[in-house]
Amino acid sequence: MAESERHRCSWANHTSPLNLKYHDQEWGVAVHDDRVLFEFLTLEGAQAGLSWTTILNKREGYRKAFHGFDAKKIARFTKRDVERLMRDAGIVRNRAKIEATIANANAFLTVQREFSSFDAYVWRFVGDTPRKNSFSWRDDLPAMTEQSGALSKDLKRRGFKFVGSTICYAFMQAVGMVNDHEVGCFRYNEL
């Protein structure tokens, strides 16, 4: 089947090549690498109030600015680093979001120490198995769930920022904790 003939989720149709690649190769794929989990948690928080396309366009800038999402390095950032990042056009220049990334790096390291990995911690919110939903249209998808609410509440208790229930659900979708590809999408059964 030709690439252009594949049926995709409605949100991925008529979109940029970057969004299309993200849909086809990343969205909903189970992630168990702590660094990648931290990347998605950061990017989903950065998206608040913006489009995912904006974030995807700045993803490489984020990787550069935040040392490939190395939480140990980010946790050592100072006020001087915040000021440097506020001038970095490669990322969203929002002080609260930048400071949240640094706070989240510290909280992330604490979770790693407690659970041996962030992966072990976060996946327990779905019973260590991806949840497979059966939605036919993007308007059927919830903005949050009981699981994303529980994750949000626990992350906040642990000092994380920009982790509301809606952000947590988008994170869960991105890292494959839930398969929210539409049932007619070619990726639905692949995942």
N, C-alpha and C. Protein backbone atom coordinates (compact mmCIF):
# COMPACT_ATOMS: atom_id res chain seq x y z
N MET A 1 0.85 -1.18 0.00
CA MET A 1 0.00 0.00 0.00
C MET A 1 0.89 1.24 0.00
N ALA A 2 0.57 2.19 -0.84
CA ALA A 2 1.34 3.43 -0.93
C ALA A 2 1.20 4.21 0.37
N GLU A 3 2.26 4.90 0.73
CA GLU A 3 2.29 5.69 1.97
C GLU A 3 1.10 6.64 2.05
N SER A 4 0.76 7.28 0.94
CA SER A 4 -0.33 8.25 0.93
C SER A 4 -1.71 7.59 1.03
N GLU A 5 -1.79 6.27 0.79
CA GLU A 5 -3.07 5.56 0.84
C GLU A 5 -3.36 4.96 2.22
N ARG A 6 -2.41 4.99 3.12
CA ARG A 6 -2.62 4.44 4.46
C ARG A 6 -3.66 5.26 5.20
N HIS A 7 -4.54 4.56 5.90
CA HIS A 7 -5.51 5.28 6.73
C HIS A 7 -4.87 5.57 8.08
N ARG A 8 -4.92 6.84 8.47
CA ARG A 8 -4.33 7.28 9.72
C ARG A 8 -5.39 7.90 10.62
N CYS A 9 -5.00 8.16 11.85
CA CYS A 9 -5.86 8.90 12.77
C CYS A 9 -6.24 10.24 12.12
N SER A 10 -7.46 10.67 12.36
CA SER A 10 -7.93 11.90 11.72
C SER A 10 -7.05 13.10 12.04
N TRP A 11 -6.46 13.14 13.25
CA TRP A 11 -5.62 14.29 13.60
C TRP A 11 -4.34 14.33 12.78
N ALA A 12 -3.94 13.19 12.22
CA ALA A 12 -2.68 13.14 11.47
C ALA A 12 -2.88 13.46 9.99
N ASN A 13 -4.11 13.46 9.53
CA ASN A 13 -4.38 13.78 8.12
C ASN A 13 -4.20 15.28 7.87
N HIS A 14 -3.73 15.61 6.68
CA HIS A 14 -3.55 17.01 6.27
C HIS A 14 -2.67 17.77 7.26
N THR A 15 -1.59 17.16 7.62
CA THR A 15 -0.69 17.77 8.59
C THR A 15 0.71 17.85 8.01
N SER A 16 1.63 18.37 8.78
CA SER A 16 3.00 18.53 8.31
C SER A 16 3.72 17.18 8.23
N PRO A 17 4.75 17.10 7.41
CA PRO A 17 5.53 15.86 7.34
C PRO A 17 6.11 15.46 8.71
N LEU A 18 6.46 16.44 9.53
CA LEU A 18 7.00 16.16 10.86
C LEU A 18 5.93 15.50 11.75
N ASN A 19 4.71 16.03 11.71
CA ASN A 19 3.61 15.43 12.47
C ASN A 19 3.28 14.03 11.95
N LEU A 20 3.31 13.87 10.65
CA LEU A 20 3.01 12.57 10.04
C LEU A 20 4.03 11.53 10.47
N LYS A 21 5.28 11.90 10.44
CA LYS A 21 6.35 10.99 10.87
C LYS A 21 6.18 10.64 12.36
N TYR A 22 5.85 11.64 13.16
CA TYR A 22 5.63 11.42 14.60
C TYR A 22 4.49 10.43 14.80
N HIS A 23 3.37 10.65 14.11
CA HIS A 23 2.22 9.74 14.21
C HIS A 23 2.61 8.33 13.81
N ASP A 24 3.28 8.19 12.68
CA ASP A 24 3.57 6.87 12.12
C ASP A 24 4.65 6.10 12.88
N GLN A 25 5.57 6.81 13.51
CA GLN A 25 6.72 6.12 14.09
C GLN A 25 6.82 6.19 15.61
N GLU A 26 6.22 7.19 16.24
CA GLU A 26 6.42 7.36 17.68
C GLU A 26 5.17 7.32 18.53
N TRP A 27 4.13 8.03 18.11
CA TRP A 27 2.96 8.21 18.97
C TRP A 27 2.33 6.87 19.31
N GLY A 28 2.26 6.57 20.59
CA GLY A 28 1.63 5.34 21.04
C GLY A 28 2.55 4.15 21.14
N VAL A 29 3.82 4.32 20.79
CA VAL A 29 4.79 3.22 20.90
C VAL A 29 5.27 3.17 22.36
N ALA A 30 5.21 1.98 22.94
CA ALA A 30 5.61 1.82 24.35
C ALA A 30 7.07 2.21 24.56
N VAL A 31 7.28 3.15 25.48
CA VAL A 31 8.62 3.65 25.81
C VAL A 31 8.97 3.17 27.22
N HIS A 32 10.17 2.62 27.35
CA HIS A 32 10.64 2.17 28.65
C HIS A 32 12.02 2.74 28.99
N ASP A 33 12.49 3.67 28.19
CA ASP A 33 13.77 4.32 28.40
C ASP A 33 13.55 5.59 29.22
N ASP A 34 14.19 5.66 30.38
CA ASP A 34 13.96 6.79 31.28
C ASP A 34 14.24 8.15 30.62
N ARG A 35 15.29 8.23 29.85
CA ARG A 35 15.62 9.51 29.22
C ARG A 35 14.52 9.94 28.25
N VAL A 36 13.99 9.00 27.49
CA VAL A 36 12.93 9.32 26.54
C VAL A 36 11.63 9.66 27.29
N LEU A 37 11.37 8.96 28.38
CA LEU A 37 10.20 9.28 29.20
C LEU A 37 10.31 10.71 29.74
N PHE A 38 11.51 11.09 30.19
CA PHE A 38 11.70 12.46 30.69
C PHE A 38 11.55 13.47 29.55
N GLU A 39 12.03 13.12 28.37
CA GLU A 39 11.87 14.00 27.21
C GLU A 39 10.38 14.26 26.95
N PHE A 40 9.58 13.21 26.89
CA PHE A 40 8.16 13.39 26.61
C PHE A 40 7.44 14.13 27.74
N LEU A 41 7.81 13.87 28.97
CA LEU A 41 7.19 14.59 30.08
C LEU A 41 7.48 16.08 29.96
N THR A 42 8.71 16.41 29.58
CA THR A 42 9.12 17.80 29.39
C THR A 42 8.39 18.44 28.21
N LEU A 43 8.37 17.75 27.09
CA LEU A 43 7.75 18.30 25.89
C LEU A 43 6.24 18.47 26.05
N GLU A 44 5.59 17.51 26.71
CA GLU A 44 4.15 17.64 26.93
C GLU A 44 3.86 18.84 27.84
N GLY A 45 4.68 19.06 28.84
CA GLY A 45 4.51 20.23 29.70
C GLY A 45 4.77 21.52 28.95
N ALA A 46 5.75 21.50 28.06
CA ALA A 46 6.07 22.68 27.26
C ALA A 46 4.93 23.02 26.30
N GLN A 47 4.17 22.02 25.90
CA GLN A 47 3.09 22.23 24.95
C GLN A 47 1.93 23.01 25.55
N ALA A 48 1.77 23.00 26.84
CA ALA A 48 0.60 23.64 27.47
C ALA A 48 0.32 25.00 26.84
N GLY A 49 -0.87 25.13 26.24
CA GLY A 49 -1.27 26.38 25.61
C GLY A 49 -0.76 26.56 24.18
N LEU A 50 -0.03 25.58 23.68
CA LEU A 50 0.55 25.66 22.34
C LEU A 50 0.15 24.43 21.53
N SER A 51 0.51 24.42 20.27
CA SER A 51 0.22 23.26 19.43
C SER A 51 1.37 22.27 19.51
N TRP A 52 1.04 20.99 19.29
CA TRP A 52 2.08 19.96 19.28
C TRP A 52 3.05 20.20 18.12
N THR A 53 2.56 20.77 17.03
CA THR A 53 3.43 21.08 15.90
C THR A 53 4.54 22.05 16.32
N THR A 54 4.18 23.05 17.12
CA THR A 54 5.18 24.00 17.62
C THR A 54 6.26 23.27 18.40
N ILE A 55 5.86 22.34 19.24
CA ILE A 55 6.81 21.60 20.07
C ILE A 55 7.67 20.69 19.20
N LEU A 56 7.06 19.98 18.26
CA LEU A 56 7.85 19.11 17.38
C LEU A 56 8.88 19.92 16.60
N ASN A 57 8.50 21.13 16.16
CA ASN A 57 9.44 21.98 15.43
C ASN A 57 10.59 22.45 16.31
N LYS A 58 10.40 22.47 17.62
CA LYS A 58 11.44 22.91 18.54
C LYS A 58 12.12 21.73 19.26
N ARG A 59 11.76 20.53 18.91
CA ARG A 59 12.26 19.35 19.63
C ARG A 59 13.79 19.27 19.63
N GLU A 60 14.38 19.49 18.50
CA GLU A 60 15.86 19.44 18.44
C GLU A 60 16.48 20.56 19.28
N GLY A 61 15.83 21.70 19.29
CA GLY A 61 16.29 22.81 20.14
C GLY A 61 16.23 22.42 21.61
N TYR A 62 15.18 21.73 21.99
CA TYR A 62 15.06 21.24 23.37
C TYR A 62 16.15 20.23 23.69
N ARG A 63 16.40 19.33 22.76
CA ARG A 63 17.43 18.31 22.99
C ARG A 63 18.80 18.97 23.21
N LYS A 64 19.06 20.00 22.42
CA LYS A 64 20.33 20.71 22.56
C LYS A 64 20.38 21.52 23.86
N ALA A 65 19.34 22.28 24.12
CA ALA A 65 19.30 23.16 25.29
C ALA A 65 19.31 22.39 26.61
N PHE A 66 18.70 21.20 26.60
CA PHE A 66 18.59 20.42 27.83
C PHE A 66 19.44 19.15 27.79
N HIS A 67 20.60 19.23 27.12
CA HIS A 67 21.61 18.17 27.14
C HIS A 67 21.02 16.79 26.87
N GLY A 68 20.21 16.69 25.81
CA GLY A 68 19.63 15.41 25.46
C GLY A 68 18.71 14.85 26.53
N PHE A 69 18.14 15.75 27.33
CA PHE A 69 17.23 15.39 28.43
C PHE A 69 17.93 14.54 29.49
N ASP A 70 19.17 14.87 29.74
CA ASP A 70 19.92 14.23 30.82
C ASP A 70 19.50 14.90 32.14
N ALA A 71 18.68 14.21 32.90
CA ALA A 71 18.12 14.80 34.13
C ALA A 71 19.20 15.20 35.13
N LYS A 72 20.29 14.45 35.19
CA LYS A 72 21.37 14.78 36.14
C LYS A 72 21.99 16.12 35.80
N LYS A 73 22.18 16.39 34.52
CA LYS A 73 22.76 17.68 34.11
C LYS A 73 21.75 18.81 34.31
N ILE A 74 20.51 18.56 33.96
CA ILE A 74 19.47 19.59 34.08
C ILE A 74 19.25 19.96 35.54
N ALA A 75 19.31 18.99 36.43
CA ALA A 75 19.08 19.24 37.85
C ALA A 75 20.11 20.22 38.43
N ARG A 76 21.25 20.34 37.77
CA ARG A 76 22.30 21.25 38.24
C ARG A 76 22.20 22.64 37.61
N PHE A 77 21.21 22.89 36.79
CA PHE A 77 21.05 24.20 36.17
C PHE A 77 20.84 25.26 37.24
N THR A 78 21.38 26.42 36.96
CA THR A 78 21.30 27.56 37.89
C THR A 78 20.43 28.67 37.29
N LYS A 79 20.32 29.76 38.03
CA LYS A 79 19.58 30.93 37.52
C LYS A 79 20.22 31.46 36.24
N ARG A 80 21.52 31.34 36.15
CA ARG A 80 22.22 31.77 34.94
C ARG A 80 21.78 30.92 33.74
N ASP A 81 21.60 29.63 33.95
CA ASP A 81 21.11 28.75 32.88
C ASP A 81 19.68 29.14 32.47
N VAL A 82 18.86 29.48 33.45
CA VAL A 82 17.49 29.91 33.14
C VAL A 82 17.54 31.15 32.25
N GLU A 83 18.38 32.11 32.60
CA GLU A 83 18.50 33.33 31.78
C GLU A 83 19.01 33.01 30.38
N ARG A 84 19.96 32.10 30.27
CA ARG A 84 20.47 31.68 28.96
C ARG A 84 19.34 31.05 28.14
N LEU A 85 18.55 30.19 28.77
CA LEU A 85 17.46 29.52 28.08
C LEU A 85 16.35 30.49 27.68
N MET A 86 16.17 31.54 28.46
CA MET A 86 15.16 32.55 28.11
C MET A 86 15.52 33.28 26.81
N ARG A 87 16.77 33.20 26.40
CA ARG A 87 17.21 33.83 25.15
C ARG A 87 17.32 32.81 24.00
N ASP A 88 17.03 31.56 24.27
CA ASP A 88 17.21 30.48 23.29
C ASP A 88 15.94 30.34 22.43
N ALA A 89 16.02 30.79 21.17
CA ALA A 89 14.86 30.72 20.27
C ALA A 89 14.54 29.28 19.86
N GLY A 90 15.39 28.33 20.20
CA GLY A 90 15.16 26.94 19.85
C GLY A 90 14.15 26.24 20.74
N ILE A 91 13.74 26.91 21.83
CA ILE A 91 12.76 26.33 22.76
C ILE A 91 11.65 27.35 23.02
N VAL A 92 10.65 26.92 23.75
CA VAL A 92 9.60 27.84 24.18
C VAL A 92 10.19 28.66 25.33
N ARG A 93 10.29 29.97 25.13
CA ARG A 93 10.93 30.83 26.12
C ARG A 93 9.90 31.31 27.15
N ASN A 94 9.56 30.40 28.01
CA ASN A 94 8.60 30.67 29.07
C ASN A 94 9.30 30.31 30.38
N ARG A 95 9.51 31.30 31.21
CA ARG A 95 10.27 31.10 32.45
C ARG A 95 9.68 29.99 33.32
N ALA A 96 8.37 29.99 33.48
CA ALA A 96 7.74 28.98 34.34
C ALA A 96 7.98 27.57 33.79
N LYS A 97 7.92 27.42 32.49
CA LYS A 97 8.15 26.09 31.89
C LYS A 97 9.62 25.68 31.98
N ILE A 98 10.52 26.62 31.83
CA ILE A 98 11.95 26.32 31.96
C ILE A 98 12.27 25.93 33.40
N GLU A 99 11.78 26.71 34.34
CA GLU A 99 12.02 26.39 35.75
C GLU A 99 11.36 25.07 36.14
N ALA A 100 10.21 24.78 35.55
CA ALA A 100 9.54 23.50 35.81
C ALA A 100 10.40 22.33 35.32
N THR A 101 11.05 22.49 34.18
CA THR A 101 11.90 21.42 33.66
C THR A 101 13.03 21.12 34.62
N ILE A 102 13.60 22.15 35.22
CA ILE A 102 14.69 21.96 36.19
C ILE A 102 14.15 21.29 37.45
N ALA A 103 13.01 21.79 37.95
CA ALA A 103 12.40 21.17 39.14
C ALA A 103 12.04 19.72 38.85
N ASN A 104 11.51 19.47 37.65
CA ASN A 104 11.12 18.11 37.28
C ASN A 104 12.32 17.18 37.18
N ALA A 105 13.45 17.70 36.75
CA ALA A 105 14.66 16.88 36.68
C ALA A 105 15.05 16.41 38.08
N ASN A 106 14.98 17.30 39.05
CA ASN A 106 15.29 16.92 40.43
C ASN A 106 14.29 15.90 40.97
N ALA A 107 13.00 16.12 40.72
CA ALA A 107 11.98 15.19 41.17
C ALA A 107 12.12 13.84 40.46
N PHE A 108 12.47 13.89 39.19
CA PHE A 108 12.67 12.68 38.38
C PHE A 108 13.79 11.82 38.98
N LEU A 109 14.88 12.45 39.36
CA LEU A 109 16.01 11.71 39.96
C LEU A 109 15.61 11.08 41.28
N THR A 110 14.78 11.78 42.05
CA THR A 110 14.29 11.22 43.32
C THR A 110 13.43 9.99 43.06
N VAL A 111 12.56 10.07 42.06
CA VAL A 111 11.72 8.92 41.70
C VAL A 111 12.59 7.75 41.23
N GLN A 112 13.59 8.04 40.43
CA GLN A 112 14.50 6.97 39.98
C GLN A 112 15.14 6.25 41.17
N ARG A 113 15.58 7.02 42.15
CA ARG A 113 16.21 6.41 43.32
C ARG A 113 15.21 5.55 44.10
N GLU A 114 13.99 6.03 44.21
CA GLU A 114 12.98 5.30 44.99
C GLU A 114 12.49 4.04 44.29
N PHE A 115 12.32 4.09 42.97
CA PHE A 115 11.72 2.97 42.23
C PHE A 115 12.71 2.23 41.35
N SER A 116 13.96 2.60 41.37
CA SER A 116 15.05 2.07 40.54
C SER A 116 14.99 2.58 39.10
N SER A 117 13.85 3.07 38.65
CA SER A 117 13.74 3.72 37.35
C SER A 117 12.43 4.49 37.29
N PHE A 118 12.39 5.51 36.46
CA PHE A 118 11.15 6.24 36.26
C PHE A 118 10.16 5.34 35.53
N ASP A 119 10.68 4.51 34.65
CA ASP A 119 9.87 3.55 33.93
C ASP A 119 9.07 2.66 34.88
N ALA A 120 9.72 2.10 35.88
CA ALA A 120 9.04 1.24 36.86
C ALA A 120 7.96 2.02 37.60
N TYR A 121 8.24 3.26 37.89
CA TYR A 121 7.28 4.11 38.60
C TYR A 121 6.05 4.41 37.73
N VAL A 122 6.28 4.93 36.52
CA VAL A 122 5.18 5.48 35.73
C VAL A 122 4.27 4.39 35.15
N TRP A 123 4.84 3.28 34.74
CA TRP A 123 4.03 2.24 34.10
C TRP A 123 3.08 1.54 35.07
N ARG A 124 3.31 1.66 36.38
CA ARG A 124 2.39 1.04 37.33
C ARG A 124 1.02 1.68 37.30
N PHE A 125 0.92 2.90 36.74
CA PHE A 125 -0.37 3.57 36.66
C PHE A 125 -1.31 2.94 35.63
N VAL A 126 -0.76 2.07 34.78
CA VAL A 126 -1.59 1.30 33.83
C VAL A 126 -1.37 -0.20 34.04
N GLY A 127 -0.92 -0.58 35.22
CA GLY A 127 -0.72 -2.00 35.51
C GLY A 127 0.38 -2.63 34.69
N ASP A 128 1.35 -1.83 34.28
CA ASP A 128 2.51 -2.28 33.50
C ASP A 128 2.16 -2.82 32.11
N THR A 129 0.95 -2.55 31.65
CA THR A 129 0.50 -3.02 30.34
C THR A 129 -0.23 -1.88 29.63
N PRO A 130 0.11 -1.64 28.36
CA PRO A 130 -0.59 -0.57 27.64
C PRO A 130 -2.10 -0.82 27.60
N ARG A 131 -2.84 0.23 27.81
CA ARG A 131 -4.31 0.17 27.70
C ARG A 131 -4.66 0.40 26.24
N LYS A 132 -5.50 -0.44 25.69
CA LYS A 132 -5.89 -0.31 24.28
C LYS A 132 -7.34 0.14 24.22
N ASN A 133 -7.53 1.37 23.80
CA ASN A 133 -8.88 1.92 23.67
C ASN A 133 -9.41 1.64 22.27
N SER A 134 -10.68 1.89 22.06
CA SER A 134 -11.31 1.61 20.77
C SER A 134 -12.13 2.82 20.31
N PHE A 135 -11.43 3.86 19.93
CA PHE A 135 -12.10 5.08 19.48
C PHE A 135 -12.07 5.14 17.95
N SER A 136 -13.14 5.63 17.38
CA SER A 136 -13.23 5.72 15.92
C SER A 136 -12.92 7.11 15.40
N TRP A 137 -12.96 8.10 16.26
CA TRP A 137 -12.79 9.48 15.83
C TRP A 137 -12.12 10.27 16.94
N ARG A 138 -11.29 11.24 16.60
CA ARG A 138 -10.52 11.98 17.60
C ARG A 138 -11.41 12.67 18.63
N ASP A 139 -12.62 13.07 18.24
CA ASP A 139 -13.51 13.73 19.19
C ASP A 139 -14.00 12.78 20.28
N ASP A 140 -13.82 11.48 20.07
CA ASP A 140 -14.20 10.50 21.08
C ASP A 140 -13.15 10.35 22.18
N LEU A 141 -11.93 10.78 21.90
CA LEU A 141 -10.84 10.61 22.87
C LEU A 141 -11.06 11.52 24.07
N PRO A 142 -10.84 11.01 25.26
CA PRO A 142 -10.96 11.86 26.44
C PRO A 142 -9.74 12.77 26.57
N ALA A 143 -9.90 13.86 27.27
CA ALA A 143 -8.77 14.75 27.54
C ALA A 143 -7.98 14.27 28.75
N MET A 144 -8.64 13.47 29.59
CA MET A 144 -8.00 12.92 30.78
C MET A 144 -8.78 11.69 31.20
N THR A 145 -8.15 10.89 32.04
CA THR A 145 -8.78 9.67 32.55
C THR A 145 -8.50 9.55 34.04
N GLU A 146 -9.09 8.55 34.63
CA GLU A 146 -8.83 8.28 36.05
C GLU A 146 -7.34 8.02 36.28
N GLN A 147 -6.72 7.29 35.36
CA GLN A 147 -5.28 6.97 35.49
C GLN A 147 -4.42 8.22 35.33
N SER A 148 -4.77 9.08 34.37
CA SER A 148 -3.97 10.30 34.20
C SER A 148 -4.15 11.23 35.39
N GLY A 149 -5.34 11.22 35.98
CA GLY A 149 -5.57 12.01 37.19
C GLY A 149 -4.75 11.50 38.36
N ALA A 150 -4.69 10.18 38.50
CA ALA A 150 -3.89 9.58 39.58
C ALA A 150 -2.40 9.87 39.38
N LEU A 151 -1.94 9.76 38.13
CA LEU A 151 -0.54 10.07 37.83
C LEU A 151 -0.25 11.53 38.12
N SER A 152 -1.11 12.41 37.67
CA SER A 152 -0.94 13.84 37.90
C SER A 152 -0.84 14.15 39.39
N LYS A 153 -1.76 13.64 40.14
CA LYS A 153 -1.78 13.88 41.59
C LYS A 153 -0.50 13.39 42.26
N ASP A 154 -0.04 12.22 41.86
CA ASP A 154 1.16 11.68 42.48
C ASP A 154 2.41 12.44 42.05
N LEU A 155 2.49 12.81 40.78
CA LEU A 155 3.63 13.60 40.32
C LEU A 155 3.70 14.94 41.04
N LYS A 156 2.56 15.60 41.18
CA LYS A 156 2.52 16.89 41.88
C LYS A 156 2.97 16.72 43.34
N ARG A 157 2.52 15.65 43.97
CA ARG A 157 2.91 15.37 45.35
C ARG A 157 4.43 15.21 45.47
N ARG A 158 5.03 14.74 44.41
CA ARG A 158 6.48 14.51 44.39
C ARG A 158 7.26 15.73 43.91
N GLY A 159 6.58 16.84 43.66
CA GLY A 159 7.26 18.08 43.30
C GLY A 159 7.33 18.40 41.82
N PHE A 160 6.69 17.62 40.97
CA PHE A 160 6.70 17.89 39.54
C PHE A 160 5.77 19.06 39.23
N LYS A 161 6.10 19.79 38.16
CA LYS A 161 5.32 20.95 37.71
C LYS A 161 4.86 20.71 36.27
N PHE A 162 3.80 21.41 35.86
CA PHE A 162 3.22 21.28 34.52
C PHE A 162 2.87 19.82 34.24
N VAL A 163 2.19 19.22 35.19
CA VAL A 163 1.79 17.81 35.07
C VAL A 163 0.32 17.63 35.44
N GLY A 164 -0.53 18.52 34.91
CA GLY A 164 -1.95 18.35 35.14
C GLY A 164 -2.46 17.08 34.48
N SER A 165 -3.68 16.72 34.77
CA SER A 165 -4.24 15.47 34.26
C SER A 165 -4.27 15.40 32.74
N THR A 166 -4.58 16.52 32.08
CA THR A 166 -4.60 16.54 30.61
C THR A 166 -3.20 16.35 30.05
N ILE A 167 -2.22 17.02 30.63
CA ILE A 167 -0.83 16.85 30.20
C ILE A 167 -0.39 15.41 30.44
N CYS A 168 -0.75 14.86 31.57
CA CYS A 168 -0.37 13.47 31.87
C CYS A 168 -1.02 12.50 30.88
N TYR A 169 -2.26 12.78 30.48
CA TYR A 169 -2.89 11.88 29.51
C TYR A 169 -2.19 11.97 28.15
N ALA A 170 -1.84 13.16 27.73
CA ALA A 170 -1.10 13.32 26.47
C ALA A 170 0.25 12.59 26.56
N PHE A 171 0.90 12.67 27.71
CA PHE A 171 2.15 11.95 27.95
C PHE A 171 1.91 10.44 27.83
N MET A 172 0.85 9.95 28.47
CA MET A 172 0.54 8.52 28.44
C MET A 172 0.27 8.04 27.01
N GLN A 173 -0.40 8.86 26.22
CA GLN A 173 -0.64 8.53 24.81
C GLN A 173 0.68 8.49 24.05
N ALA A 174 1.50 9.49 24.26
CA ALA A 174 2.75 9.62 23.52
C ALA A 174 3.68 8.44 23.77
N VAL A 175 3.77 7.99 25.02
CA VAL A 175 4.74 6.94 25.38
C VAL A 175 4.12 5.54 25.37
N GLY A 176 2.93 5.42 24.80
CA GLY A 176 2.33 4.11 24.61
C GLY A 176 1.71 3.47 25.83
N MET A 177 1.53 4.23 26.89
CA MET A 177 0.83 3.67 28.05
C MET A 177 -0.63 3.44 27.70
N VAL A 178 -1.13 4.19 26.72
CA VAL A 178 -2.45 3.98 26.15
C VAL A 178 -2.32 4.01 24.63
N ASN A 179 -3.04 3.13 23.97
CA ASN A 179 -3.10 3.14 22.51
C ASN A 179 -4.39 3.84 22.14
N ASP A 180 -4.27 5.09 21.74
CA ASP A 180 -5.44 5.86 21.34
C ASP A 180 -5.48 6.12 19.84
N HIS A 181 -4.76 5.28 19.07
CA HIS A 181 -4.93 5.37 17.63
C HIS A 181 -6.38 4.98 17.32
N GLU A 182 -6.97 5.67 16.37
CA GLU A 182 -8.33 5.33 15.97
C GLU A 182 -8.35 3.91 15.41
N VAL A 183 -9.45 3.20 15.63
CA VAL A 183 -9.51 1.78 15.24
C VAL A 183 -9.26 1.57 13.74
N GLY A 184 -9.55 2.55 12.91
CA GLY A 184 -9.30 2.41 11.49
C GLY A 184 -7.89 2.78 11.06
N CYS A 185 -7.09 3.28 11.97
CA CYS A 185 -5.71 3.69 11.67
C CYS A 185 -4.82 2.45 11.54
N PHE A 186 -3.91 2.49 10.57
CA PHE A 186 -3.03 1.34 10.36
C PHE A 186 -2.16 1.04 11.59
N ARG A 187 -1.91 2.03 12.44
CA ARG A 187 -1.07 1.82 13.63
C ARG A 187 -1.84 1.15 14.77
N TYR A 188 -3.16 1.21 14.74
CA TYR A 188 -3.97 0.67 15.85
C TYR A 188 -3.62 -0.80 16.13
N ASN A 189 -3.66 -1.63 15.12
CA ASN A 189 -3.37 -3.05 15.32
C ASN A 189 -1.88 -3.35 15.40
N GLU A 190 -1.06 -2.49 14.81
CA GLU A 190 0.39 -2.70 14.91
C GLU A 190 0.88 -2.56 16.35
N LEU A 191 0.20 -1.71 17.11
CA LEU A 191 0.60 -1.50 18.49
C LEU A 191 -0.25 -2.37 19.39
